[in-house]
Amino acid sequence: MNKIIIETCEGLNYLHINGLIHRDIKPNNIIISEDGTYKICDFEMIKELKDPDKSTRVGTNGYMAPEVRDQKDYDESADIYSLGISILQMISKDAAENLEKSWYQEIILNDLKTTNPLIFEICSKCLKKDPKERISAQEIITKIENSENEGKFHILPKKFNITKNLTSKNFKYEIFLINNTESKIFHIKVKFNKRNLLL
């Protein structure tokens, strides 16, 4: 599930940072390519954010954000709401028409709160009624990646002189990879590139 969400959000983020809204995000419009990558398809309803006419009721019933259903002005956060409904549907297998009801969402979300806290948090923030309170596609990617990395390893630097030019020096680090029953130490070479640590 994390892979589907991340790769769908990568597509959404690309659209959003380029000033576009998809306006019909749903499971049927998320396909898997030959190389195993999940991609967004069907751009028939795409709209530019700068277009002043963004109050048209478009999309698929059950997946539309409240502001789209009510024909109010909307932005890229409408795609995020549709993503939230899509995630709930992929998990619950329920009809989108049921999942758009707030009381029904609450039932599914309450179950996720204990079975999958990460997805619970993401869906809860996707489905905020106030568009301004919704999480962004990039924030979803970051949240999942941070969660996947959390607790897997710790990087402990050897002592070095921080006044040196870190863009051209290699340093040895010890990575402690924690398994359920054992700990292994691996020595690898890493280098600094300005502020980024490249492994």
N, C-alpha and C. Protein backbone atom coordinates (compact mmCIF):
# COMPACT_ATOMS: atom_id res chain seq x y z
N MET A 1 0.83 -1.21 0.00
CA MET A 1 0.00 0.00 0.00
C MET A 1 0.86 1.26 0.00
N ASN A 2 1.96 1.23 0.78
CA ASN A 2 2.83 2.40 0.83
C ASN A 2 3.39 2.75 -0.54
N LYS A 3 3.75 1.72 -1.31
CA LYS A 3 4.30 1.94 -2.65
C LYS A 3 3.28 2.63 -3.55
N ILE A 4 2.04 2.15 -3.50
CA ILE A 4 0.98 2.76 -4.32
C ILE A 4 0.80 4.23 -3.94
N ILE A 5 0.74 4.49 -2.65
CA ILE A 5 0.50 5.86 -2.20
C ILE A 5 1.66 6.77 -2.58
N ILE A 6 2.88 6.32 -2.33
CA ILE A 6 4.05 7.17 -2.63
C ILE A 6 4.11 7.49 -4.12
N GLU A 7 3.98 6.49 -4.97
CA GLU A 7 4.14 6.71 -6.41
C GLU A 7 2.97 7.50 -7.00
N THR A 8 1.78 7.32 -6.43
CA THR A 8 0.65 8.16 -6.86
C THR A 8 0.89 9.61 -6.43
N CYS A 9 1.40 9.79 -5.22
CA CYS A 9 1.67 11.15 -4.73
C CYS A 9 2.81 11.81 -5.50
N GLU A 10 3.75 11.03 -5.97
CA GLU A 10 4.81 11.61 -6.80
C GLU A 10 4.21 12.20 -8.08
N GLY A 11 3.25 11.47 -8.67
CA GLY A 11 2.56 12.00 -9.85
C GLY A 11 1.73 13.22 -9.53
N LEU A 12 1.00 13.16 -8.40
CA LEU A 12 0.19 14.31 -8.00
C LEU A 12 1.05 15.52 -7.69
N ASN A 13 2.15 15.29 -6.99
CA ASN A 13 3.03 16.40 -6.64
C ASN A 13 3.57 17.07 -7.89
N TYR A 14 3.91 16.26 -8.90
CA TYR A 14 4.41 16.83 -10.16
C TYR A 14 3.35 17.73 -10.81
N LEU A 15 2.11 17.26 -10.81
CA LEU A 15 1.02 18.07 -11.36
C LEU A 15 0.85 19.36 -10.56
N HIS A 16 0.80 19.23 -9.26
CA HIS A 16 0.49 20.37 -8.40
C HIS A 16 1.57 21.45 -8.44
N ILE A 17 2.85 21.05 -8.43
CA ILE A 17 3.91 22.06 -8.47
C ILE A 17 4.00 22.72 -9.83
N ASN A 18 3.37 22.09 -10.83
CA ASN A 18 3.32 22.68 -12.16
C ASN A 18 1.99 23.37 -12.43
N GLY A 19 1.24 23.62 -11.35
CA GLY A 19 0.02 24.41 -11.46
C GLY A 19 -1.16 23.71 -12.09
N LEU A 20 -1.26 22.37 -11.89
CA LEU A 20 -2.35 21.61 -12.49
C LEU A 20 -3.12 20.82 -11.44
N ILE A 21 -4.41 20.63 -11.69
CA ILE A 21 -5.26 19.79 -10.85
C ILE A 21 -5.78 18.65 -11.73
N HIS A 22 -5.73 17.43 -11.22
CA HIS A 22 -6.20 16.28 -12.00
C HIS A 22 -7.72 16.23 -12.06
N ARG A 23 -8.35 16.35 -10.91
CA ARG A 23 -9.80 16.45 -10.75
C ARG A 23 -10.57 15.13 -10.94
N ASP A 24 -9.87 14.03 -11.07
CA ASP A 24 -10.59 12.75 -11.14
C ASP A 24 -9.72 11.61 -10.61
N ILE A 25 -9.13 11.84 -9.43
CA ILE A 25 -8.31 10.81 -8.81
C ILE A 25 -9.22 9.73 -8.23
N LYS A 26 -8.96 8.49 -8.60
CA LYS A 26 -9.70 7.32 -8.12
C LYS A 26 -8.89 6.08 -8.46
N PRO A 27 -9.17 4.95 -7.84
CA PRO A 27 -8.38 3.74 -8.10
C PRO A 27 -8.31 3.36 -9.58
N ASN A 28 -9.41 3.56 -10.32
CA ASN A 28 -9.41 3.20 -11.74
C ASN A 28 -8.45 4.05 -12.56
N ASN A 29 -8.06 5.19 -12.02
CA ASN A 29 -7.12 6.07 -12.73
C ASN A 29 -5.70 5.97 -12.18
N ILE A 30 -5.45 4.92 -11.42
CA ILE A 30 -4.09 4.62 -10.96
C ILE A 30 -3.73 3.26 -11.53
N ILE A 31 -2.80 3.24 -12.46
CA ILE A 31 -2.45 2.00 -13.15
C ILE A 31 -1.01 1.61 -12.83
N ILE A 32 -0.70 0.35 -13.07
CA ILE A 32 0.66 -0.13 -12.86
C ILE A 32 1.32 -0.36 -14.22
N SER A 33 2.50 0.20 -14.40
CA SER A 33 3.21 0.09 -15.67
C SER A 33 3.97 -1.23 -15.76
N GLU A 34 4.59 -1.47 -16.90
CA GLU A 34 5.32 -2.72 -17.12
C GLU A 34 6.48 -2.89 -16.15
N ASP A 35 7.07 -1.76 -15.73
CA ASP A 35 8.21 -1.86 -14.81
C ASP A 35 7.78 -1.91 -13.34
N GLY A 36 6.47 -2.00 -13.10
CA GLY A 36 5.97 -2.13 -11.74
C GLY A 36 5.72 -0.82 -11.03
N THR A 37 5.79 0.30 -11.76
CA THR A 37 5.56 1.62 -11.18
C THR A 37 4.09 2.00 -11.29
N TYR A 38 3.54 2.55 -10.21
CA TYR A 38 2.16 3.02 -10.25
C TYR A 38 2.12 4.43 -10.81
N LYS A 39 1.21 4.64 -11.76
CA LYS A 39 1.12 5.93 -12.44
C LYS A 39 -0.33 6.39 -12.51
N ILE A 40 -0.49 7.72 -12.57
CA ILE A 40 -1.81 8.32 -12.73
C ILE A 40 -2.14 8.38 -14.23
N CYS A 41 -3.38 8.09 -14.58
CA CYS A 41 -3.79 8.19 -15.98
C CYS A 41 -5.08 9.01 -16.08
N ASP A 42 -5.58 9.15 -17.29
CA ASP A 42 -6.83 9.86 -17.60
C ASP A 42 -6.76 11.33 -17.19
N PHE A 43 -6.23 12.13 -18.08
CA PHE A 43 -6.07 13.56 -17.80
C PHE A 43 -7.12 14.42 -18.52
N GLU A 44 -8.25 13.80 -18.83
CA GLU A 44 -9.30 14.49 -19.58
C GLU A 44 -9.86 15.69 -18.81
N MET A 45 -9.87 15.60 -17.48
CA MET A 45 -10.48 16.67 -16.68
C MET A 45 -9.46 17.59 -16.05
N ILE A 46 -8.22 17.52 -16.48
CA ILE A 46 -7.16 18.32 -15.86
C ILE A 46 -7.46 19.82 -16.01
N LYS A 47 -7.03 20.60 -15.03
CA LYS A 47 -7.32 22.03 -15.02
C LYS A 47 -6.12 22.80 -14.49
N GLU A 48 -5.88 23.97 -15.05
CA GLU A 48 -4.80 24.82 -14.55
C GLU A 48 -5.28 25.57 -13.31
N LEU A 49 -4.38 25.64 -12.32
CA LEU A 49 -4.73 26.35 -11.08
C LEU A 49 -5.00 27.83 -11.33
N LYS A 50 -4.35 28.40 -12.31
CA LYS A 50 -4.52 29.83 -12.58
C LYS A 50 -5.83 30.12 -13.32
N ASP A 51 -6.52 29.10 -13.78
CA ASP A 51 -7.81 29.29 -14.45
C ASP A 51 -8.82 29.84 -13.45
N PRO A 52 -9.43 30.96 -13.71
CA PRO A 52 -10.37 31.56 -12.74
C PRO A 52 -11.63 30.74 -12.54
N ASP A 53 -11.98 29.90 -13.53
CA ASP A 53 -13.21 29.12 -13.42
C ASP A 53 -12.88 27.74 -12.86
N LYS A 54 -12.83 27.66 -11.52
CA LYS A 54 -12.54 26.38 -10.87
C LYS A 54 -13.65 26.02 -9.88
N SER A 55 -14.87 26.22 -10.30
CA SER A 55 -16.00 25.86 -9.43
C SER A 55 -16.93 24.87 -10.14
N THR A 56 -16.47 24.33 -11.26
CA THR A 56 -17.28 23.37 -12.00
C THR A 56 -17.32 22.03 -11.26
N ARG A 57 -18.48 21.44 -11.21
CA ARG A 57 -18.63 20.13 -10.56
C ARG A 57 -18.18 19.05 -11.55
N VAL A 58 -16.98 18.57 -11.37
CA VAL A 58 -16.43 17.54 -12.26
C VAL A 58 -15.79 16.43 -11.44
N GLY A 59 -15.59 15.30 -12.08
CA GLY A 59 -14.99 14.17 -11.39
C GLY A 59 -15.96 13.00 -11.33
N THR A 60 -15.71 12.09 -10.41
CA THR A 60 -16.54 10.90 -10.27
C THR A 60 -17.26 10.93 -8.93
N ASN A 61 -18.56 10.70 -8.95
CA ASN A 61 -19.34 10.70 -7.70
C ASN A 61 -18.72 9.75 -6.69
N GLY A 62 -18.65 10.20 -5.47
CA GLY A 62 -18.06 9.39 -4.40
C GLY A 62 -16.63 9.80 -4.09
N TYR A 63 -15.93 10.33 -5.09
CA TYR A 63 -14.53 10.72 -4.90
C TYR A 63 -14.33 12.23 -4.83
N MET A 64 -15.35 12.97 -5.21
CA MET A 64 -15.22 14.42 -5.26
C MET A 64 -15.12 15.04 -3.87
N ALA A 65 -14.26 16.03 -3.73
CA ALA A 65 -14.15 16.77 -2.48
C ALA A 65 -15.44 17.56 -2.24
N PRO A 66 -15.76 17.85 -0.98
CA PRO A 66 -17.00 18.58 -0.68
C PRO A 66 -17.13 19.90 -1.44
N GLU A 67 -16.02 20.63 -1.57
CA GLU A 67 -16.09 21.92 -2.26
C GLU A 67 -16.35 21.75 -3.76
N VAL A 68 -15.95 20.61 -4.32
CA VAL A 68 -16.23 20.34 -5.74
C VAL A 68 -17.70 19.96 -5.90
N ARG A 69 -18.19 19.12 -5.01
CA ARG A 69 -19.61 18.73 -5.06
C ARG A 69 -20.52 19.95 -4.92
N ASP A 70 -20.09 20.89 -4.05
CA ASP A 70 -20.92 22.06 -3.79
C ASP A 70 -20.66 23.20 -4.78
N GLN A 71 -19.82 22.92 -5.77
CA GLN A 71 -19.49 23.90 -6.82
C GLN A 71 -18.92 25.20 -6.26
N LYS A 72 -18.05 25.02 -5.26
CA LYS A 72 -17.32 26.16 -4.73
C LYS A 72 -15.93 26.20 -5.37
N ASP A 73 -15.24 27.31 -5.20
CA ASP A 73 -13.90 27.41 -5.75
C ASP A 73 -12.98 26.40 -5.05
N TYR A 74 -12.13 25.73 -5.81
CA TYR A 74 -11.25 24.71 -5.24
C TYR A 74 -9.87 24.77 -5.86
N ASP A 75 -8.93 24.05 -5.23
CA ASP A 75 -7.56 24.02 -5.72
C ASP A 75 -7.04 22.59 -5.71
N GLU A 76 -5.71 22.43 -5.69
CA GLU A 76 -5.12 21.09 -5.77
C GLU A 76 -5.47 20.19 -4.58
N SER A 77 -5.91 20.80 -3.48
CA SER A 77 -6.27 19.99 -2.31
C SER A 77 -7.49 19.12 -2.58
N ALA A 78 -8.25 19.44 -3.63
CA ALA A 78 -9.38 18.59 -4.02
C ALA A 78 -8.87 17.22 -4.46
N ASP A 79 -7.72 17.19 -5.12
CA ASP A 79 -7.11 15.91 -5.52
C ASP A 79 -6.71 15.09 -4.30
N ILE A 80 -6.26 15.79 -3.25
CA ILE A 80 -5.83 15.10 -2.04
C ILE A 80 -7.02 14.43 -1.35
N TYR A 81 -8.15 15.11 -1.33
CA TYR A 81 -9.36 14.50 -0.77
C TYR A 81 -9.72 13.24 -1.54
N SER A 82 -9.69 13.34 -2.87
CA SER A 82 -10.01 12.18 -3.71
C SER A 82 -9.04 11.04 -3.46
N LEU A 83 -7.78 11.38 -3.22
CA LEU A 83 -6.78 10.37 -2.89
C LEU A 83 -7.14 9.66 -1.59
N GLY A 84 -7.57 10.43 -0.60
CA GLY A 84 -7.96 9.85 0.68
C GLY A 84 -9.09 8.85 0.53
N ILE A 85 -10.11 9.20 -0.26
CA ILE A 85 -11.22 8.28 -0.52
C ILE A 85 -10.70 7.04 -1.24
N SER A 86 -9.80 7.24 -2.19
CA SER A 86 -9.25 6.11 -2.96
C SER A 86 -8.49 5.14 -2.07
N ILE A 87 -7.71 5.68 -1.14
CA ILE A 87 -6.95 4.83 -0.21
C ILE A 87 -7.92 4.01 0.65
N LEU A 88 -8.95 4.68 1.19
CA LEU A 88 -9.94 3.98 2.02
C LEU A 88 -10.63 2.88 1.22
N GLN A 89 -10.92 3.16 -0.04
CA GLN A 89 -11.61 2.16 -0.86
C GLN A 89 -10.70 0.96 -1.13
N MET A 90 -9.43 1.21 -1.42
CA MET A 90 -8.50 0.12 -1.68
C MET A 90 -8.32 -0.76 -0.45
N ILE A 91 -8.44 -0.15 0.73
CA ILE A 91 -8.29 -0.91 1.98
C ILE A 91 -9.57 -1.64 2.34
N SER A 92 -10.69 -0.94 2.27
CA SER A 92 -11.97 -1.49 2.76
C SER A 92 -12.75 -2.24 1.70
N LYS A 93 -12.48 -1.96 0.42
CA LYS A 93 -13.22 -2.55 -0.71
C LYS A 93 -14.68 -2.07 -0.75
N ASP A 94 -14.97 -1.01 0.00
CA ASP A 94 -16.33 -0.47 0.00
C ASP A 94 -16.55 0.47 -1.17
N ALA A 95 -17.79 0.71 -1.50
CA ALA A 95 -18.13 1.63 -2.57
C ALA A 95 -17.79 3.06 -2.17
N ALA A 96 -17.30 3.83 -3.13
CA ALA A 96 -16.92 5.22 -2.86
C ALA A 96 -18.11 6.04 -2.37
N GLU A 97 -19.30 5.70 -2.85
CA GLU A 97 -20.51 6.42 -2.44
C GLU A 97 -20.75 6.28 -0.94
N ASN A 98 -20.33 5.16 -0.37
CA ASN A 98 -20.44 4.99 1.08
C ASN A 98 -19.33 5.76 1.80
N LEU A 99 -18.13 5.70 1.23
CA LEU A 99 -16.96 6.28 1.88
C LEU A 99 -16.99 7.81 1.92
N GLU A 100 -17.79 8.42 1.05
CA GLU A 100 -17.84 9.88 1.08
C GLU A 100 -18.69 10.39 2.24
N LYS A 101 -19.45 9.50 2.88
CA LYS A 101 -20.26 9.89 4.03
C LYS A 101 -19.37 9.97 5.26
N SER A 102 -19.43 11.07 5.96
CA SER A 102 -18.51 11.32 7.08
C SER A 102 -18.64 10.26 8.17
N TRP A 103 -19.85 9.80 8.47
CA TRP A 103 -20.04 8.81 9.52
C TRP A 103 -19.42 7.46 9.12
N TYR A 104 -19.47 7.15 7.81
CA TYR A 104 -18.90 5.90 7.32
C TYR A 104 -17.37 5.98 7.33
N GLN A 105 -16.86 7.15 6.96
CA GLN A 105 -15.41 7.37 7.02
C GLN A 105 -14.90 7.14 8.44
N GLU A 106 -15.67 7.62 9.40
CA GLU A 106 -15.26 7.52 10.80
C GLU A 106 -15.13 6.06 11.23
N ILE A 107 -16.02 5.20 10.73
CA ILE A 107 -15.96 3.77 11.07
C ILE A 107 -14.65 3.16 10.56
N ILE A 108 -14.33 3.43 9.29
CA ILE A 108 -13.12 2.87 8.69
C ILE A 108 -11.87 3.46 9.35
N LEU A 109 -11.89 4.76 9.60
CA LEU A 109 -10.74 5.41 10.21
C LEU A 109 -10.48 4.92 11.63
N ASN A 110 -11.55 4.69 12.38
CA ASN A 110 -11.38 4.19 13.75
C ASN A 110 -10.70 2.82 13.76
N ASP A 111 -11.01 2.01 12.76
CA ASP A 111 -10.36 0.70 12.65
C ASP A 111 -8.89 0.87 12.28
N LEU A 112 -8.62 1.78 11.35
CA LEU A 112 -7.24 2.03 10.92
C LEU A 112 -6.38 2.59 12.05
N LYS A 113 -7.01 3.30 12.95
CA LYS A 113 -6.27 3.96 14.05
C LYS A 113 -5.46 2.95 14.84
N THR A 114 -5.97 1.73 14.94
CA THR A 114 -5.25 0.69 15.70
C THR A 114 -4.50 -0.27 14.78
N THR A 115 -5.06 -0.55 13.60
CA THR A 115 -4.42 -1.52 12.72
C THR A 115 -3.31 -0.92 11.87
N ASN A 116 -3.43 0.34 11.50
CA ASN A 116 -2.41 0.99 10.67
C ASN A 116 -2.40 2.49 10.98
N PRO A 117 -1.74 2.90 12.05
CA PRO A 117 -1.74 4.31 12.47
C PRO A 117 -1.23 5.28 11.41
N LEU A 118 -0.26 4.85 10.60
CA LEU A 118 0.29 5.73 9.57
C LEU A 118 -0.76 6.05 8.51
N ILE A 119 -1.44 5.02 8.01
CA ILE A 119 -2.48 5.24 7.00
C ILE A 119 -3.65 6.00 7.60
N PHE A 120 -3.94 5.72 8.87
CA PHE A 120 -4.99 6.48 9.57
C PHE A 120 -4.67 7.98 9.55
N GLU A 121 -3.42 8.31 9.90
CA GLU A 121 -3.03 9.72 9.95
C GLU A 121 -3.10 10.37 8.57
N ILE A 122 -2.61 9.66 7.56
CA ILE A 122 -2.62 10.20 6.20
C ILE A 122 -4.05 10.42 5.71
N CYS A 123 -4.89 9.40 5.85
CA CYS A 123 -6.28 9.52 5.38
C CYS A 123 -7.04 10.60 6.14
N SER A 124 -6.81 10.66 7.43
CA SER A 124 -7.49 11.69 8.24
C SER A 124 -7.15 13.09 7.74
N LYS A 125 -5.89 13.30 7.37
CA LYS A 125 -5.47 14.61 6.90
C LYS A 125 -5.87 14.87 5.45
N CYS A 126 -6.04 13.80 4.67
CA CYS A 126 -6.53 13.96 3.30
C CYS A 126 -7.99 14.37 3.29
N LEU A 127 -8.76 13.86 4.25
CA LEU A 127 -10.21 14.01 4.24
C LEU A 127 -10.74 15.16 5.09
N LYS A 128 -9.86 16.07 5.45
CA LYS A 128 -10.30 17.26 6.18
C LYS A 128 -11.33 18.03 5.35
N LYS A 129 -12.39 18.48 6.00
CA LYS A 129 -13.43 19.23 5.28
C LYS A 129 -12.90 20.57 4.80
N ASP A 130 -12.03 21.17 5.61
CA ASP A 130 -11.42 22.45 5.23
C ASP A 130 -10.22 22.15 4.33
N PRO A 131 -10.26 22.55 3.06
CA PRO A 131 -9.16 22.27 2.13
C PRO A 131 -7.80 22.75 2.62
N LYS A 132 -7.80 23.85 3.38
CA LYS A 132 -6.54 24.42 3.86
C LYS A 132 -5.86 23.53 4.90
N GLU A 133 -6.63 22.65 5.52
CA GLU A 133 -6.10 21.77 6.57
C GLU A 133 -5.59 20.45 6.02
N ARG A 134 -5.79 20.20 4.72
CA ARG A 134 -5.37 18.93 4.14
C ARG A 134 -3.86 18.86 3.93
N ILE A 135 -3.35 17.67 4.02
CA ILE A 135 -1.93 17.40 3.80
C ILE A 135 -1.63 17.53 2.31
N SER A 136 -0.39 17.82 1.95
CA SER A 136 -0.01 17.90 0.53
C SER A 136 0.55 16.56 0.06
N ALA A 137 0.66 16.40 -1.24
CA ALA A 137 1.22 15.16 -1.80
C ALA A 137 2.66 14.97 -1.33
N GLN A 138 3.44 16.03 -1.33
CA GLN A 138 4.84 15.92 -0.90
C GLN A 138 4.93 15.57 0.58
N GLU A 139 4.05 16.12 1.38
CA GLU A 139 4.06 15.80 2.81
C GLU A 139 3.72 14.33 3.06
N ILE A 140 2.85 13.77 2.24
CA ILE A 140 2.51 12.35 2.37
C ILE A 140 3.74 11.50 2.05
N ILE A 141 4.43 11.84 0.97
CA ILE A 141 5.64 11.10 0.59
C ILE A 141 6.65 11.13 1.73
N THR A 142 6.91 12.32 2.24
CA THR A 142 7.89 12.49 3.32
C THR A 142 7.49 11.71 4.56
N LYS A 143 6.22 11.74 4.90
CA LYS A 143 5.74 11.06 6.11
C LYS A 143 5.93 9.55 5.99
N ILE A 144 5.61 8.97 4.84
CA ILE A 144 5.77 7.53 4.65
C ILE A 144 7.24 7.14 4.65
N GLU A 145 8.06 7.90 3.93
CA GLU A 145 9.49 7.59 3.86
C GLU A 145 10.14 7.69 5.23
N ASN A 146 9.76 8.69 6.01
CA ASN A 146 10.31 8.83 7.37
C ASN A 146 9.88 7.67 8.25
N SER A 147 8.63 7.24 8.08
CA SER A 147 8.12 6.13 8.88
C SER A 147 8.84 4.83 8.53
N GLU A 148 9.12 4.63 7.24
CA GLU A 148 9.79 3.40 6.81
C GLU A 148 11.24 3.35 7.29
N ASN A 149 11.86 4.53 7.41
CA ASN A 149 13.26 4.58 7.83
C ASN A 149 13.43 4.58 9.34
N GLU A 150 12.38 4.97 10.03
CA GLU A 150 12.47 5.14 11.49
C GLU A 150 12.82 3.82 12.18
N GLY A 151 13.88 3.84 12.95
CA GLY A 151 14.25 2.68 13.75
C GLY A 151 15.01 1.61 13.02
N LYS A 152 15.23 1.77 11.71
CA LYS A 152 15.91 0.72 10.95
C LYS A 152 17.42 0.75 11.16
N PHE A 153 17.99 1.96 11.22
CA PHE A 153 19.42 2.04 11.46
C PHE A 153 19.79 3.39 12.05
N HIS A 154 20.95 3.44 12.63
CA HIS A 154 21.47 4.67 13.19
C HIS A 154 22.84 4.91 12.56
N ILE A 155 23.11 6.12 12.16
CA ILE A 155 24.39 6.46 11.56
C ILE A 155 25.23 7.18 12.60
N LEU A 156 26.39 6.61 12.92
CA LEU A 156 27.26 7.19 13.92
C LEU A 156 28.56 7.64 13.27
N PRO A 157 28.83 8.93 13.19
CA PRO A 157 30.02 9.41 12.49
C PRO A 157 31.29 9.20 13.28
N LYS A 158 32.37 8.89 12.55
CA LYS A 158 33.70 8.94 13.14
C LYS A 158 34.06 10.41 13.36
N LYS A 159 34.99 10.67 14.24
CA LYS A 159 35.38 12.05 14.51
C LYS A 159 36.07 12.65 13.29
N PHE A 160 35.71 13.89 12.97
CA PHE A 160 36.40 14.57 11.89
C PHE A 160 36.37 16.06 12.16
N ASN A 161 37.26 16.76 11.49
CA ASN A 161 37.37 18.21 11.65
C ASN A 161 36.33 18.89 10.78
N ILE A 162 35.32 19.51 11.39
CA ILE A 162 34.23 20.09 10.61
C ILE A 162 34.65 21.34 9.85
N THR A 163 35.87 21.84 10.09
CA THR A 163 36.32 23.01 9.35
C THR A 163 36.85 22.63 7.98
N LYS A 164 37.02 21.35 7.72
CA LYS A 164 37.52 20.91 6.42
C LYS A 164 36.43 21.04 5.36
N ASN A 165 36.85 20.97 4.12
CA ASN A 165 35.91 21.04 3.01
C ASN A 165 35.18 19.70 2.89
N LEU A 166 33.93 19.66 3.35
CA LEU A 166 33.20 18.39 3.40
C LEU A 166 32.70 17.95 2.04
N THR A 167 32.81 18.81 1.03
CA THR A 167 32.31 18.42 -0.30
C THR A 167 33.27 17.48 -1.00
N SER A 168 34.49 17.35 -0.53
CA SER A 168 35.45 16.53 -1.24
C SER A 168 36.05 15.42 -0.40
N LYS A 169 35.60 15.28 0.83
CA LYS A 169 36.18 14.28 1.72
C LYS A 169 35.24 13.09 1.90
N ASN A 170 35.82 11.92 1.98
CA ASN A 170 35.07 10.72 2.29
C ASN A 170 35.29 10.36 3.75
N PHE A 171 34.26 9.93 4.39
CA PHE A 171 34.38 9.55 5.78
C PHE A 171 33.76 8.17 5.97
N LYS A 172 34.30 7.46 6.91
CA LYS A 172 33.77 6.14 7.22
C LYS A 172 32.72 6.26 8.33
N TYR A 173 31.61 5.62 8.10
CA TYR A 173 30.56 5.60 9.10
C TYR A 173 30.29 4.16 9.51
N GLU A 174 29.77 4.02 10.68
CA GLU A 174 29.28 2.71 11.10
C GLU A 174 27.77 2.75 11.08
N ILE A 175 27.19 1.85 10.35
CA ILE A 175 25.74 1.75 10.34
C ILE A 175 25.35 0.51 11.12
N PHE A 176 24.58 0.72 12.14
CA PHE A 176 24.11 -0.41 12.92
C PHE A 176 22.73 -0.80 12.39
N LEU A 177 22.70 -1.91 11.71
CA LEU A 177 21.45 -2.40 11.16
C LEU A 177 20.80 -3.31 12.20
N ILE A 178 19.69 -2.90 12.69
CA ILE A 178 19.04 -3.62 13.78
C ILE A 178 18.03 -4.62 13.23
N ASN A 179 18.24 -5.88 13.50
CA ASN A 179 17.28 -6.92 13.16
C ASN A 179 16.55 -7.33 14.43
N ASN A 180 15.65 -8.25 14.31
CA ASN A 180 14.88 -8.68 15.47
C ASN A 180 15.76 -9.37 16.51
N THR A 181 16.72 -10.16 16.05
CA THR A 181 17.48 -10.97 16.99
C THR A 181 18.96 -10.69 16.99
N GLU A 182 19.43 -9.85 16.09
CA GLU A 182 20.86 -9.63 16.04
C GLU A 182 21.18 -8.24 15.52
N SER A 183 22.40 -7.79 15.79
CA SER A 183 22.88 -6.51 15.27
C SER A 183 24.14 -6.76 14.47
N LYS A 184 24.22 -6.14 13.32
CA LYS A 184 25.39 -6.30 12.47
C LYS A 184 25.98 -4.92 12.20
N ILE A 185 27.29 -4.86 12.13
CA ILE A 185 27.95 -3.60 11.85
C ILE A 185 28.52 -3.66 10.43
N PHE A 186 28.17 -2.69 9.63
CA PHE A 186 28.68 -2.61 8.27
C PHE A 186 29.49 -1.33 8.13
N HIS A 187 30.65 -1.42 7.53
CA HIS A 187 31.47 -0.25 7.26
C HIS A 187 31.31 0.12 5.79
N ILE A 188 30.86 1.34 5.55
CA ILE A 188 30.68 1.79 4.18
C ILE A 188 31.33 3.15 4.01
N LYS A 189 31.53 3.54 2.77
CA LYS A 189 32.06 4.85 2.46
C LYS A 189 30.91 5.79 2.13
N VAL A 190 30.93 6.95 2.71
CA VAL A 190 29.94 7.96 2.38
C VAL A 190 30.66 9.26 2.09
N LYS A 191 29.98 10.18 1.46
CA LYS A 191 30.58 11.47 1.21
C LYS A 191 29.56 12.58 1.42
N PHE A 192 30.06 13.74 1.74
CA PHE A 192 29.19 14.89 1.93
C PHE A 192 29.18 15.72 0.65
N ASN A 193 27.98 16.16 0.29
CA ASN A 193 27.85 17.08 -0.83
C ASN A 193 27.08 18.29 -0.31
N LYS A 194 27.82 19.31 0.06
CA LYS A 194 27.22 20.49 0.69
C LYS A 194 26.46 20.04 1.94
N ARG A 195 25.12 20.17 1.93
CA ARG A 195 24.35 19.79 3.12
C ARG A 195 23.75 18.40 3.02
N ASN A 196 23.94 17.74 1.89
CA ASN A 196 23.30 16.45 1.70
C ASN A 196 24.25 15.31 1.96
N LEU A 197 23.83 14.34 2.70
CA LEU A 197 24.61 13.14 2.93
C LEU A 197 24.23 12.10 1.90
N LEU A 198 25.18 11.75 1.05
CA LEU A 198 24.92 10.81 -0.01
C LEU A 198 25.42 9.42 0.38
N LEU A 199 24.54 8.46 0.47
CA LEU A 199 24.94 7.10 0.82
C LEU A 199 25.14 6.29 -0.45
